[in-house]
Structure formats: C-alpha cells, structure tokens
Amino acid sequence: MEKIEQTWRQVYPNHPFEYSFFTEEFENLFGDDEEFSTMLFQFTFIAIIVACLGLYGLASFSADQKTKEIGIRKVLSAPSTNIAMLVIKEYGLLIVAANLLAWPIMWLVLNS
C-alpha cells in the first residue's frame, strides 16, 4: 500500500491519496439488506409457527366435536388408522390443495 501511495504522490502531487477496500464498500451498500433479510426470515418463521398452531387448534377442535363418533367407532372395533383418517382427511385435503396452489406461484415469483 505504501508503494502505491508513493507512486500516486509522484504522479498526482496535488491530489490526496484516498482509498477504501471493496469489503468495506460492500458492507456499506448491502449491510441494511442483510439485516432486513434476517428480520424477514425471523418474522416468516414466527408466522409459520402461528399458522401451524392455528391448524393444530382447529384439528383439535374438530376431533373434540367428533368425540362421540370416534367413541362409537372404537366400540365397534374400527382400526385406529380409520379413526386417524377421519380426523386427518378433513384438513389433509385442504393442506394438499393449498400446497398445489402455492408451489407453482412460489416458483414463478422466485424465478422472476
């Protein structure tokens, strides 16, 4: 760096020698974007957790509403897979439909 500064002073004696490193410039330009990206990831994670808790609560409420039906099926010796499908089928189809809609839209947005 000293050699570059000496050469600069020989060629341009009236102009001050100022320099900066690319990493510093890069940090100044994109530091805020990295912070925003981190914050966006955190809020997205929280939103997904809240959505999962809501779905879990909705499924629990639905299962609670079907307590008598589940009890009757158990008494009549229905397999537990059928009982699980009774509870899962209602929301599983909605989740699959939502994913079938969301994945292509996400792919288009990310590729544009």
PDB file of N, CA and C in Angstrom:
ATOM      1  N   MET A   1       0.819  -1.183   0.000  1.00  0.00           N
ATOM      2  CA  MET A   1       0.000   0.000   0.000  1.00  0.00           C
ATOM      3  C   MET A   1       0.872   1.258   0.000  1.00  0.00           C
ATOM      4  N   GLU A   2       2.025   1.185   0.691  1.00  0.00           N
ATOM      5  CA  GLU A   2       2.926   2.334   0.726  1.00  0.00           C
ATOM      6  C   GLU A   2       3.502   2.620  -0.650  1.00  0.00           C
ATOM      7  N   LYS A   3       3.810   1.576  -1.380  1.00  0.00           N
ATOM      8  CA  LYS A   3       4.363   1.745  -2.724  1.00  0.00           C
ATOM      9  C   LYS A   3       3.336   2.406  -3.650  1.00  0.00           C
ATOM     10  N   ILE A   4       2.082   2.004  -3.527  1.00  0.00           N
ATOM     11  CA  ILE A   4       1.018   2.607  -4.331  1.00  0.00           C
ATOM     12  C   ILE A   4       0.859   4.083  -3.963  1.00  0.00           C
ATOM     13  N   GLU A   5       0.930   4.370  -2.664  1.00  0.00           N
ATOM     14  CA  GLU A   5       0.790   5.761  -2.226  1.00  0.00           C
ATOM     15  C   GLU A   5       1.946   6.623  -2.728  1.00  0.00           C
ATOM     16  N   GLN A   6       3.155   6.092  -2.690  1.00  0.00           N
ATOM     17  CA  GLN A   6       4.310   6.841  -3.204  1.00  0.00           C
ATOM     18  C   GLN A   6       4.163   7.120  -4.700  1.00  0.00           C
ATOM     19  N   THR A   7       3.732   6.108  -5.445  1.00  0.00           N
ATOM     20  CA  THR A   7       3.537   6.277  -6.881  1.00  0.00           C
ATOM     21  C   THR A   7       2.460   7.322  -7.146  1.00  0.00           C
ATOM     22  N   TRP A   8       1.393   7.274  -6.375  1.00  0.00           N
ATOM     23  CA  TRP A   8       0.308   8.246  -6.536  1.00  0.00           C
ATOM     24  C   TRP A   8       0.827   9.668  -6.312  1.00  0.00           C
ATOM     25  N   ARG A   9       1.610   9.859  -5.276  1.00  0.00           N
ATOM     26  CA  ARG A   9       2.132  11.199  -4.962  1.00  0.00           C
ATOM     27  C   ARG A   9       3.101  11.703  -6.023  1.00  0.00           C
ATOM     28  N   GLN A  10       3.785  10.766  -6.666  1.00  0.00           N
ATOM     29  CA  GLN A  10       4.678  11.185  -7.742  1.00  0.00           C
ATOM     30  C   GLN A  10       3.883  11.622  -8.976  1.00  0.00           C
ATOM     31  N   VAL A  11       2.818  10.871  -9.291  1.00  0.00           N
ATOM     32  CA  VAL A  11       2.040  11.167 -10.484  1.00  0.00           C
ATOM     33  C   VAL A  11       1.091  12.335 -10.257  1.00  0.00           C
ATOM     34  N   TYR A  12       0.411  12.353  -9.107  1.00  0.00           N
ATOM     35  CA  TYR A  12      -0.575  13.400  -8.792  1.00  0.00           C
ATOM     36  C   TYR A  12      -0.200  14.069  -7.463  1.00  0.00           C
ATOM     37  N   PRO A  13       0.730  14.932  -7.452  1.00  0.00           N
ATOM     38  CA  PRO A  13       1.174  15.517  -6.175  1.00  0.00           C
ATOM     39  C   PRO A  13       0.139  16.448  -5.528  1.00  0.00           C
ATOM     40  N   ASN A  14      -0.784  17.001  -6.305  1.00  0.00           N
ATOM     41  CA  ASN A  14      -1.758  17.946  -5.745  1.00  0.00           C
ATOM     42  C   ASN A  14      -3.048  17.285  -5.265  1.00  0.00           C
ATOM     43  N   HIS A  15      -3.213  16.006  -5.527  1.00  0.00           N
ATOM     44  CA  HIS A  15      -4.437  15.305  -5.138  1.00  0.00           C
ATOM     45  C   HIS A  15      -4.147  14.350  -3.972  1.00  0.00           C
ATOM     46  N   PRO A  16      -5.023  14.353  -2.976  1.00  0.00           N
ATOM     47  CA  PRO A  16      -4.777  13.455  -1.834  1.00  0.00           C
ATOM     48  C   PRO A  16      -5.008  11.996  -2.227  1.00  0.00           C
ATOM     49  N   PHE A  17      -4.270  11.128  -1.591  1.00  0.00           N
ATOM     50  CA  PHE A  17      -4.404   9.692  -1.823  1.00  0.00           C
ATOM     51  C   PHE A  17      -5.475   9.143  -0.880  1.00  0.00           C
ATOM     52  N   GLU A  18      -6.599   8.734  -1.456  1.00  0.00           N
ATOM     53  CA  GLU A  18      -7.705   8.167  -0.682  1.00  0.00           C
ATOM     54  C   GLU A  18      -8.030   6.798  -1.250  1.00  0.00           C
ATOM     55  N   TYR A  19      -8.268   5.875  -0.382  1.00  0.00           N
ATOM     56  CA  TYR A  19      -8.596   4.525  -0.834  1.00  0.00           C
ATOM     57  C   TYR A  19      -9.588   3.892   0.131  1.00  0.00           C
ATOM     58  N   SER A  20     -10.234   2.847  -0.338  1.00  0.00           N
ATOM     59  CA  SER A  20     -11.119   2.041   0.517  1.00  0.00           C
ATOM     60  C   SER A  20     -11.122   0.622  -0.028  1.00  0.00           C
ATOM     61  N   PHE A  21     -11.378  -0.296   0.836  1.00  0.00           N
ATOM     62  CA  PHE A  21     -11.406  -1.700   0.448  1.00  0.00           C
ATOM     63  C   PHE A  21     -12.800  -2.074  -0.048  1.00  0.00           C
ATOM     64  N   PHE A  22     -12.850  -3.020  -0.947  1.00  0.00           N
ATOM     65  CA  PHE A  22     -14.113  -3.451  -1.530  1.00  0.00           C
ATOM     66  C   PHE A  22     -15.035  -4.029  -0.461  1.00  0.00           C
ATOM     67  N   THR A  23     -14.479  -4.741   0.487  1.00  0.00           N
ATOM     68  CA  THR A  23     -15.326  -5.350   1.525  1.00  0.00           C
ATOM     69  C   THR A  23     -16.044  -4.281   2.344  1.00  0.00           C
ATOM     70  N   GLU A  24     -15.351  -3.162   2.599  1.00  0.00           N
ATOM     71  CA  GLU A  24     -15.993  -2.079   3.344  1.00  0.00           C
ATOM     72  C   GLU A  24     -17.115  -1.441   2.525  1.00  0.00           C
ATOM     73  N   GLU A  25     -16.856  -1.215   1.235  1.00  0.00           N
ATOM     74  CA  GLU A  25     -17.882  -0.648   0.358  1.00  0.00           C
ATOM     75  C   GLU A  25     -19.073  -1.590   0.238  1.00  0.00           C
ATOM     76  N   PHE A  26     -18.781  -2.862   0.112  1.00  0.00           N
ATOM     77  CA  PHE A  26     -19.841  -3.868   0.003  1.00  0.00           C
ATOM     78  C   PHE A  26     -20.694  -3.871   1.266  1.00  0.00           C
ATOM     79  N   GLU A  27     -20.050  -3.798   2.408  1.00  0.00           N
ATOM     80  CA  GLU A  27     -20.781  -3.772   3.683  1.00  0.00           C
ATOM     81  C   GLU A  27     -21.639  -2.512   3.790  1.00  0.00           C
ATOM     82  N   ASN A  28     -21.114  -1.389   3.345  1.00  0.00           N
ATOM     83  CA  ASN A  28     -21.896  -0.150   3.385  1.00  0.00           C
ATOM     84  C   ASN A  28     -23.108  -0.216   2.466  1.00  0.00           C
ATOM     85  N   LEU A  29     -22.938  -0.848   1.307  1.00  0.00           N
ATOM     86  CA  LEU A  29     -24.039  -0.915   0.345  1.00  0.00           C
ATOM     87  C   LEU A  29     -25.109  -1.921   0.739  1.00  0.00           C
ATOM     88  N   PHE A  30     -24.684  -3.091   1.220  1.00  0.00           N
ATOM     89  CA  PHE A  30     -25.627  -4.185   1.410  1.00  0.00           C
ATOM     90  C   PHE A  30     -25.821  -4.617   2.861  1.00  0.00           C
ATOM     91  N   GLY A  31     -25.289  -3.880   3.803  1.00  0.00           N
ATOM     92  CA  GLY A  31     -25.467  -4.231   5.217  1.00  0.00           C
ATOM     93  C   GLY A  31     -26.920  -4.160   5.649  1.00  0.00           C
ATOM     94  N   ASP A  32     -27.622  -3.117   5.201  1.00  0.00           N
ATOM     95  CA  ASP A  32     -29.036  -2.961   5.564  1.00  0.00           C
ATOM     96  C   ASP A  32     -29.888  -4.071   4.954  1.00  0.00           C
ATOM     97  N   ASP A  33     -29.551  -4.468   3.729  1.00  0.00           N
ATOM     98  CA  ASP A  33     -30.305  -5.538   3.081  1.00  0.00           C
ATOM     99  C   ASP A  33     -30.144  -6.862   3.822  1.00  0.00           C
ATOM    100  N   GLU A  34     -28.958  -7.123   4.318  1.00  0.00           N
ATOM    101  CA  GLU A  34     -28.736  -8.353   5.076  1.00  0.00           C
ATOM    102  C   GLU A  34     -29.523  -8.341   6.386  1.00  0.00           C
ATOM    103  N   GLU A  35     -29.559  -7.201   7.048  1.00  0.00           N
ATOM    104  CA  GLU A  35     -30.345  -7.086   8.280  1.00  0.00           C
ATOM    105  C   GLU A  35     -31.831  -7.273   7.994  1.00  0.00           C
ATOM    106  N   PHE A  36     -32.316  -6.667   6.912  1.00  0.00           N
ATOM    107  CA  PHE A  36     -33.715  -6.817   6.533  1.00  0.00           C
ATOM    108  C   PHE A  36     -34.036  -8.269   6.200  1.00  0.00           C
ATOM    109  N   SER A  37     -33.129  -8.935   5.515  1.00  0.00           N
ATOM    110  CA  SER A  37     -33.328 -10.344   5.169  1.00  0.00           C
ATOM    111  C   SER A  37     -33.412 -11.208   6.423  1.00  0.00           C
ATOM    112  N   THR A  38     -32.555 -10.955   7.374  1.00  0.00           N
ATOM    113  CA  THR A  38     -32.589 -11.709   8.636  1.00  0.00           C
ATOM    114  C   THR A  38     -33.895 -11.467   9.377  1.00  0.00           C
ATOM    115  N   MET A  39     -34.322 -10.210   9.445  1.00  0.00           N
ATOM    116  CA  MET A  39     -35.568  -9.881  10.139  1.00  0.00           C
ATOM    117  C   MET A  39     -36.771 -10.495   9.416  1.00  0.00           C
ATOM    118  N   LEU A  40     -36.759 -10.455   8.086  1.00  0.00           N
ATOM    119  CA  LEU A  40     -37.841 -11.058   7.308  1.00  0.00           C
ATOM    120  C   LEU A  40     -37.918 -12.565   7.542  1.00  0.00           C
ATOM    121  N   PHE A  41     -36.769 -13.229   7.611  1.00  0.00           N
ATOM    122  CA  PHE A  41     -36.739 -14.665   7.894  1.00  0.00           C
ATOM    123  C   PHE A  41     -37.325 -14.953   9.273  1.00  0.00           C
ATOM    124  N   GLN A  42     -36.983 -14.157  10.257  1.00  0.00           N
ATOM    125  CA  GLN A  42     -37.496 -14.377  11.608  1.00  0.00           C
ATOM    126  C   GLN A  42     -39.011 -14.200  11.662  1.00  0.00           C
ATOM    127  N   PHE A  43     -39.529 -13.155  11.028  1.00  0.00           N
ATOM    128  CA  PHE A  43     -40.980 -12.942  11.031  1.00  0.00           C
ATOM    129  C   PHE A  43     -41.701 -14.032  10.239  1.00  0.00           C
ATOM    130  N   THR A  44     -41.098 -14.496   9.162  1.00  0.00           N
ATOM    131  CA  THR A  44     -41.695 -15.591   8.390  1.00  0.00           C
ATOM    132  C   THR A  44     -41.763 -16.856   9.230  1.00  0.00           C
ATOM    133  N   PHE A  45     -40.697 -17.138   9.959  1.00  0.00           N
ATOM    134  CA  PHE A  45     -40.676 -18.313  10.831  1.00  0.00           C
ATOM    135  C   PHE A  45     -41.761 -18.215  11.895  1.00  0.00           C
ATOM    136  N   ILE A  46     -41.917 -17.050  12.495  1.00  0.00           N
ATOM    137  CA  ILE A  46     -42.958 -16.849  13.506  1.00  0.00           C
ATOM    138  C   ILE A  46     -44.341 -17.023  12.894  1.00  0.00           C
ATOM    139  N   ALA A  47     -44.552 -16.505  11.678  1.00  0.00           N
ATOM    140  CA  ALA A  47     -45.851 -16.636  11.007  1.00  0.00           C
ATOM    141  C   ALA A  47     -46.170 -18.094  10.717  1.00  0.00           C
ATOM    142  N   ILE A  48     -45.171 -18.865  10.317  1.00  0.00           N
ATOM    143  CA  ILE A  48     -45.391 -20.291  10.048  1.00  0.00           C
ATOM    144  C   ILE A  48     -45.732 -21.024  11.334  1.00  0.00           C
ATOM    145  N   ILE A  49     -45.067 -20.704  12.417  1.00  0.00           N
ATOM    146  CA  ILE A  49     -45.363 -21.336  13.715  1.00  0.00           C
ATOM    147  C   ILE A  49     -46.789 -20.997  14.147  1.00  0.00           C
ATOM    148  N   VAL A  50     -47.196 -19.749  14.013  1.00  0.00           N
ATOM    149  CA  VAL A  50     -48.557 -19.350  14.398  1.00  0.00           C
ATOM    150  C   VAL A  50     -49.591 -20.069  13.530  1.00  0.00           C
ATOM    151  N   ALA A  51     -49.309 -20.187  12.221  1.00  0.00           N
ATOM    152  CA  ALA A  51     -50.232 -20.889  11.329  1.00  0.00           C
ATOM    153  C   ALA A  51     -50.345 -22.362  11.711  1.00  0.00           C
ATOM    154  N   CYS A  52     -49.226 -22.989  12.051  1.00  0.00           N
ATOM    155  CA  CYS A  52     -49.261 -24.396  12.469  1.00  0.00           C
ATOM    156  C   CYS A  52     -50.028 -24.568  13.771  1.00  0.00           C
ATOM    157  N   LEU A  53     -49.847 -23.640  14.695  1.00  0.00           N
ATOM    158  CA  LEU A  53     -50.603 -23.715  15.950  1.00  0.00           C
ATOM    159  C   LEU A  53     -52.095 -23.545  15.697  1.00  0.00           C
ATOM    160  N   GLY A  54     -52.451 -22.654  14.787  1.00  0.00           N
ATOM    161  CA  GLY A  54     -53.862 -22.477  14.436  1.00  0.00           C
ATOM    162  C   GLY A  54     -54.438 -23.726  13.799  1.00  0.00           C
ATOM    163  N   LEU A  55     -53.674 -24.357  12.918  1.00  0.00           N
ATOM    164  CA  LEU A  55     -54.135 -25.592  12.286  1.00  0.00           C
ATOM    165  C   LEU A  55     -54.272 -26.712  13.312  1.00  0.00           C
ATOM    166  N   TYR A  56     -53.328 -26.771  14.234  1.00  0.00           N
ATOM    167  CA  TYR A  56     -53.407 -27.777  15.300  1.00  0.00           C
ATOM    168  C   TYR A  56     -54.642 -27.534  16.170  1.00  0.00           C
ATOM    169  N   GLY A  57     -54.907 -26.284  16.516  1.00  0.00           N
ATOM    170  CA  GLY A  57     -56.090 -25.962  17.324  1.00  0.00           C
ATOM    171  C   GLY A  57     -57.379 -26.294  16.593  1.00  0.00           C
ATOM    172  N   LEU A  58     -57.417 -26.021  15.295  1.00  0.00           N
ATOM    173  CA  LEU A  58     -58.601 -26.327  14.500  1.00  0.00           C
ATOM    174  C   LEU A  58     -58.829 -27.836  14.411  1.00  0.00           C
ATOM    175  N   ALA A  59     -57.752 -28.595  14.229  1.00  0.00           N
ATOM    176  CA  ALA A  59     -57.879 -30.052  14.178  1.00  0.00           C
ATOM    177  C   ALA A  59     -58.301 -30.606  15.537  1.00  0.00           C
ATOM    178  N   SER A  60     -57.767 -30.046  16.612  1.00  0.00           N
ATOM    179  CA  SER A  60     -58.169 -30.491  17.949  1.00  0.00           C
ATOM    180  C   SER A  60     -59.640 -30.190  18.210  1.00  0.00           C
ATOM    181  N   PHE A  61     -60.075 -29.014  17.803  1.00  0.00           N
ATOM    182  CA  PHE A  61     -61.488 -28.656  17.961  1.00  0.00           C
ATOM    183  C   PHE A  61     -62.374 -29.602  17.165  1.00  0.00           C
ATOM    184  N   SER A  62     -61.967 -29.914  15.939  1.00  0.00           N
ATOM    185  CA  SER A  62     -62.737 -30.832  15.104  1.00  0.00           C
ATOM    186  C   SER A  62     -62.787 -32.231  15.719  1.00  0.00           C
ATOM    187  N   ALA A  63     -61.660 -32.688  16.249  1.00  0.00           N
ATOM    188  CA  ALA A  63     -61.627 -34.005  16.894  1.00  0.00           C
ATOM    189  C   ALA A  63     -62.494 -34.004  18.152  1.00  0.00           C
ATOM    190  N   ASP A  64     -62.492 -32.898  18.874  1.00  0.00           N
ATOM    191  CA  ASP A  64     -63.326 -32.793  20.065  1.00  0.00           C
ATOM    192  C   ASP A  64     -64.811 -32.834  19.702  1.00  0.00           C
ATOM    193  N   GLN A  65     -65.166 -32.232  18.569  1.00  0.00           N
ATOM    194  CA  GLN A  65     -66.556 -32.266  18.112  1.00  0.00           C
ATOM    195  C   GLN A  65     -66.970 -33.678  17.694  1.00  0.00           C
ATOM    196  N   LYS A  66     -66.008 -34.485  17.271  1.00  0.00           N
ATOM    197  CA  LYS A  66     -66.308 -35.840  16.792  1.00  0.00           C
ATOM    198  C   LYS A  66     -66.027 -36.904  17.854  1.00  0.00           C
ATOM    199  N   THR A  67     -66.006 -36.514  19.107  1.00  0.00           N
ATOM    200  CA  THR A  67     -65.683 -37.449  20.187  1.00  0.00           C
ATOM    201  C   THR A  67     -66.653 -38.615  20.222  1.00  0.00           C
ATOM    202  N   LYS A  68     -67.929 -38.333  20.085  1.00  0.00           N
ATOM    203  CA  LYS A  68     -68.925 -39.421  20.132  1.00  0.00           C
ATOM    204  C   LYS A  68     -68.746 -40.365  18.954  1.00  0.00           C
ATOM    205  N   GLU A  69     -68.525 -39.807  17.760  1.00  0.00           N
ATOM    206  CA  GLU A  69     -68.345 -40.649  16.581  1.00  0.00           C
ATOM    207  C   GLU A  69     -67.097 -41.513  16.711  1.00  0.00           C
ATOM    208  N   ILE A  70     -66.034 -40.932  17.228  1.00  0.00           N
ATOM    209  CA  ILE A  70     -64.800 -41.697  17.421  1.00  0.00           C
ATOM    210  C   ILE A  70     -65.013 -42.783  18.463  1.00  0.00           C
ATOM    211  N   GLY A  71     -65.731 -42.456  19.539  1.00  0.00           N
ATOM    212  CA  GLY A  71     -66.018 -43.456  20.579  1.00  0.00           C
ATOM    213  C   GLY A  71     -66.832 -44.611  20.029  1.00  0.00           C
ATOM    214  N   ILE A  72     -67.845 -44.318  19.226  1.00  0.00           N
ATOM    215  CA  ILE A  72     -68.672 -45.385  18.646  1.00  0.00           C
ATOM    216  C   ILE A  72     -67.837 -46.258  17.720  1.00  0.00           C
ATOM    217  N   ARG A  73     -66.981 -45.639  16.945  1.00  0.00           N
ATOM    218  CA  ARG A  73     -66.121 -46.428  16.047  1.00  0.00           C
ATOM    219  C   ARG A  73     -65.166 -47.311  16.842  1.00  0.00           C
ATOM    220  N   LYS A  74     -64.646 -46.806  17.962  1.00  0.00           N
ATOM    221  CA  LYS A  74     -63.759 -47.612  18.811  1.00  0.00           C
ATOM    222  C   LYS A  74     -64.504 -48.791  19.407  1.00  0.00           C
ATOM    223  N   VAL A  75     -65.741 -48.561  19.862  1.00  0.00           N
ATOM    224  CA  VAL A  75     -66.545 -49.640  20.454  1.00  0.00           C
ATOM    225  C   VAL A  75     -66.823 -50.719  19.411  1.00  0.00           C
ATOM    226  N   LEU A  76     -67.045 -50.300  18.184  1.00  0.00           N
ATOM    227  CA  LEU A  76     -67.316 -51.251  17.113  1.00  0.00           C
ATOM    228  C   LEU A  76     -66.029 -51.803  16.492  1.00  0.00           C
ATOM    229  N   SER A  77     -64.895 -51.607  17.182  1.00  0.00           N
ATOM    230  CA  SER A  77     -63.569 -52.136  16.839  1.00  0.00           C
ATOM    231  C   SER A  77     -63.073 -51.688  15.468  1.00  0.00           C
ATOM    232  N   ALA A  78     -63.201 -50.422  15.207  1.00  0.00           N
ATOM    233  CA  ALA A  78     -62.633 -49.870  13.978  1.00  0.00           C
ATOM    234  C   ALA A  78     -61.119 -49.736  14.160  1.00  0.00           C
ATOM    235  N   PRO A  79     -60.365 -49.999  13.106  1.00  0.00           N
ATOM    236  CA  PRO A  79     -58.905 -49.835  13.228  1.00  0.00           C
ATOM    237  C   PRO A  79     -58.538 -48.371  13.484  1.00  0.00           C
ATOM    238  N   SER A  80     -57.449 -48.192  14.207  1.00  0.00           N
ATOM    239  CA  SER A  80     -57.055 -46.825  14.565  1.00  0.00           C
ATOM    240  C   SER A  80     -56.648 -46.008  13.333  1.00  0.00           C
ATOM    241  N   THR A  81     -56.224 -46.674  12.258  1.00  0.00           N
ATOM    242  CA  THR A  81     -55.896 -45.931  11.033  1.00  0.00           C
ATOM    243  C   THR A  81     -57.149 -45.279  10.440  1.00  0.00           C
ATOM    244  N   ASN A  82     -58.283 -45.962  10.526  1.00  0.00           N
ATOM    245  CA  ASN A  82     -59.532 -45.373  10.031  1.00  0.00           C
ATOM    246  C   ASN A  82     -59.947 -44.173  10.868  1.00  0.00           C
ATOM    247  N   ILE A  83     -59.741 -44.272  12.166  1.00  0.00           N
ATOM    248  CA  ILE A  83     -60.099 -43.163  13.052  1.00  0.00           C
ATOM    249  C   ILE A  83     -59.177 -41.970  12.788  1.00  0.00           C
ATOM    250  N   ALA A  84     -57.894 -42.245  12.591  1.00  0.00           N
ATOM    251  CA  ALA A  84     -56.947 -41.166  12.286  1.00  0.00           C
ATOM    252  C   ALA A  84     -57.300 -40.520  10.950  1.00  0.00           C
ATOM    253  N   MET A  85     -57.662 -41.321   9.972  1.00  0.00           N
ATOM    254  CA  MET A  85     -58.033 -40.778   8.668  1.00  0.00           C
ATOM    255  C   MET A  85     -59.297 -39.923   8.764  1.00  0.00           C
ATOM    256  N   LEU A  86     -60.189 -40.270   9.682  1.00  0.00           N
ATOM    257  CA  LEU A  86     -61.406 -39.486   9.885  1.00  0.00           C
ATOM    258  C   LEU A  86     -61.052 -38.053  10.286  1.00  0.00           C
ATOM    259  N   VAL A  87     -60.064 -37.922  11.154  1.00  0.00           N
ATOM    260  CA  VAL A  87     -59.670 -36.600  11.631  1.00  0.00           C
ATOM    261  C   VAL A  87     -58.774 -35.901  10.599  1.00  0.00           C
ATOM    262  N   ILE A  88     -57.847 -36.633   9.983  1.00  0.00           N
ATOM    263  CA  ILE A  88     -56.867 -36.039   9.079  1.00  0.00           C
ATOM    264  C   ILE A  88     -57.465 -35.679   7.727  1.00  0.00           C
ATOM    265  N   LYS A  89     -58.420 -36.479   7.265  1.00  0.00           N
ATOM    266  CA  LYS A  89     -58.959 -36.298   5.919  1.00  0.00           C
ATOM    267  C   LYS A  89     -59.518 -34.900   5.694  1.00  0.00           C
ATOM    268  N   GLU A  90     -60.176 -34.378   6.687  1.00  0.00           N
ATOM    269  CA  GLU A  90     -60.830 -33.071   6.550  1.00  0.00           C
ATOM    270  C   GLU A  90     -59.826 -31.954   6.259  1.00  0.00           C
ATOM    271  N   TYR A  91     -58.700 -31.959   6.965  1.00  0.00           N
ATOM    272  CA  TYR A  91     -57.723 -30.889   6.801  1.00  0.00           C
ATOM    273  C   TYR A  91     -56.585 -31.285   5.873  1.00  0.00           C
ATOM    274  N   GLY A  92     -56.345 -32.547   5.712  1.00  0.00           N
ATOM    275  CA  GLY A  92     -55.288 -33.001   4.814  1.00  0.00           C
ATOM    276  C   GLY A  92     -55.543 -32.589   3.383  1.00  0.00           C
ATOM    277  N   LEU A  93     -56.796 -32.707   2.951  1.00  0.00           N
ATOM    278  CA  LEU A  93     -57.132 -32.306   1.586  1.00  0.00           C
ATOM    279  C   LEU A  93     -56.948 -30.799   1.390  1.00  0.00           C
ATOM    280  N   LEU A  94     -57.296 -30.025   2.394  1.00  0.00           N
ATOM    281  CA  LEU A  94     -57.099 -28.572   2.305  1.00  0.00           C
ATOM    282  C   LEU A  94     -55.615 -28.210   2.250  1.00  0.00           C
ATOM    283  N   ILE A  95     -54.809 -28.910   3.014  1.00  0.00           N
ATOM    284  CA  ILE A  95     -53.368 -28.648   3.019  1.00  0.00           C
ATOM    285  C   ILE A  95     -52.752 -29.020   1.673  1.00  0.00           C
ATOM    286  N   VAL A  96     -53.156 -30.149   1.121  1.00  0.00           N
ATOM    287  CA  VAL A  96     -52.643 -30.568  -0.186  1.00  0.00           C
ATOM    288  C   VAL A  96     -53.068 -29.563  -1.262  1.00  0.00           C
ATOM    289  N   ALA A  97     -54.322 -29.127  -1.221  1.00  0.00           N
ATOM    290  CA  ALA A  97     -54.804 -28.155  -2.212  1.00  0.00           C
ATOM    291  C   ALA A  97     -54.048 -26.829  -2.085  1.00  0.00           C
ATOM    292  N   ALA A  98     -53.804 -26.398  -0.876  1.00  0.00           N
ATOM    293  CA  ALA A  98     -53.065 -25.150  -0.663  1.00  0.00           C
ATOM    294  C   ALA A  98     -51.642 -25.268  -1.189  1.00  0.00           C
ATOM    295  N   ASN A  99     -51.008 -26.415  -0.979  1.00  0.00           N
ATOM    296  CA  ASN A  99     -49.652 -26.615  -1.485  1.00  0.00           C
ATOM    297  C   ASN A  99     -49.630 -26.681  -3.001  1.00  0.00           C
ATOM    298  N   LEU A 100     -50.633 -27.319  -3.598  1.00  0.00           N
ATOM    299  CA  LEU A 100     -50.684 -27.391  -5.059  1.00  0.00           C
ATOM    300  C   LEU A 100     -50.853 -26.005  -5.681  1.00  0.00           C
ATOM    301  N   LEU A 101     -51.511 -25.113  -4.981  1.00  0.00           N
ATOM    302  CA  LEU A 101     -51.641 -23.742  -5.460  1.00  0.00           C
ATOM    303  C   LEU A 101     -50.387 -22.906  -5.159  1.00  0.00           C
ATOM    304  N   ALA A 102     -49.807 -23.106  -4.002  1.00  0.00           N
ATOM    305  CA  ALA A 102     -48.715 -22.241  -3.557  1.00  0.00           C
ATOM    306  C   ALA A 102     -47.387 -22.548  -4.235  1.00  0.00           C
ATOM    307  N   TRP A 103     -47.063 -23.805  -4.460  1.00  0.00           N
ATOM    308  CA  TRP A 103     -45.752 -24.156  -5.021  1.00  0.00           C
ATOM    309  C   TRP A 103     -45.532 -23.581  -6.410  1.00  0.00           C
ATOM    310  N   PRO A 104     -46.462 -23.708  -7.349  1.00  0.00           N
ATOM    311  CA  PRO A 104     -46.196 -23.095  -8.658  1.00  0.00           C
ATOM    312  C   PRO A 104     -46.098 -21.561  -8.601  1.00  0.00           C
ATOM    313  N   ILE A 105     -46.918 -20.935  -7.776  1.00  0.00           N
ATOM    314  CA  ILE A 105     -46.855 -19.481  -7.643  1.00  0.00           C
ATOM    315  C   ILE A 105     -45.514 -19.081  -7.059  1.00  0.00           C
ATOM    316  N   MET A 106     -45.062 -19.804  -6.050  1.00  0.00           N
ATOM    317  CA  MET A 106     -43.766 -19.519  -5.437  1.00  0.00           C
ATOM    318  C   MET A 106     -42.652 -19.683  -6.446  1.00  0.00           C
ATOM    319  N   TRP A 107     -42.709 -20.732  -7.263  1.00  0.00           N
ATOM    320  CA  TRP A 107     -41.673 -20.983  -8.259  1.00  0.00           C
ATOM    321  C   TRP A 107     -41.631 -19.843  -9.285  1.00  0.00           C
ATOM    322  N   LEU A 108     -42.792 -19.384  -9.721  1.00  0.00           N
ATOM    323  CA  LEU A 108     -42.841 -18.296 -10.683  1.00  0.00           C
ATOM    324  C   LEU A 108     -42.284 -16.999 -10.095  1.00  0.00           C
ATOM    325  N   VAL A 109     -42.646 -16.711  -8.863  1.00  0.00           N
ATOM    326  CA  VAL A 109     -42.164 -15.476  -8.225  1.00  0.00           C
ATOM    327  C   VAL A 109     -40.646 -15.534  -8.007  1.00  0.00           C
ATOM    328  N   LEU A 110     -40.139 -16.662  -7.570  1.00  0.00           N
ATOM    329  CA  LEU A 110     -38.706 -16.758  -7.301  1.00  0.00           C
ATOM    330  C   LEU A 110     -37.889 -16.748  -8.589  1.00  0.00           C
ATOM    331  N   ASN A 111     -38.437 -17.244  -9.672  1.00  0.00           N
ATOM    332  CA  ASN A 111     -37.684 -17.245 -10.932  1.00  0.00           C
ATOM    333  C   ASN A 111     -37.793 -15.926 -11.682  1.00  0.00           C
ATOM    334  N   SER A 112     -38.697 -15.067 -11.270  1.00  0.00           N
ATOM    335  CA  SER A 112     -38.787 -13.766 -11.921  1.00  0.00           C
ATOM    336  C   SER A 112     -38.023 -12.790 -11.107  1.00  0.00           C
TER     337      SER A 112
END
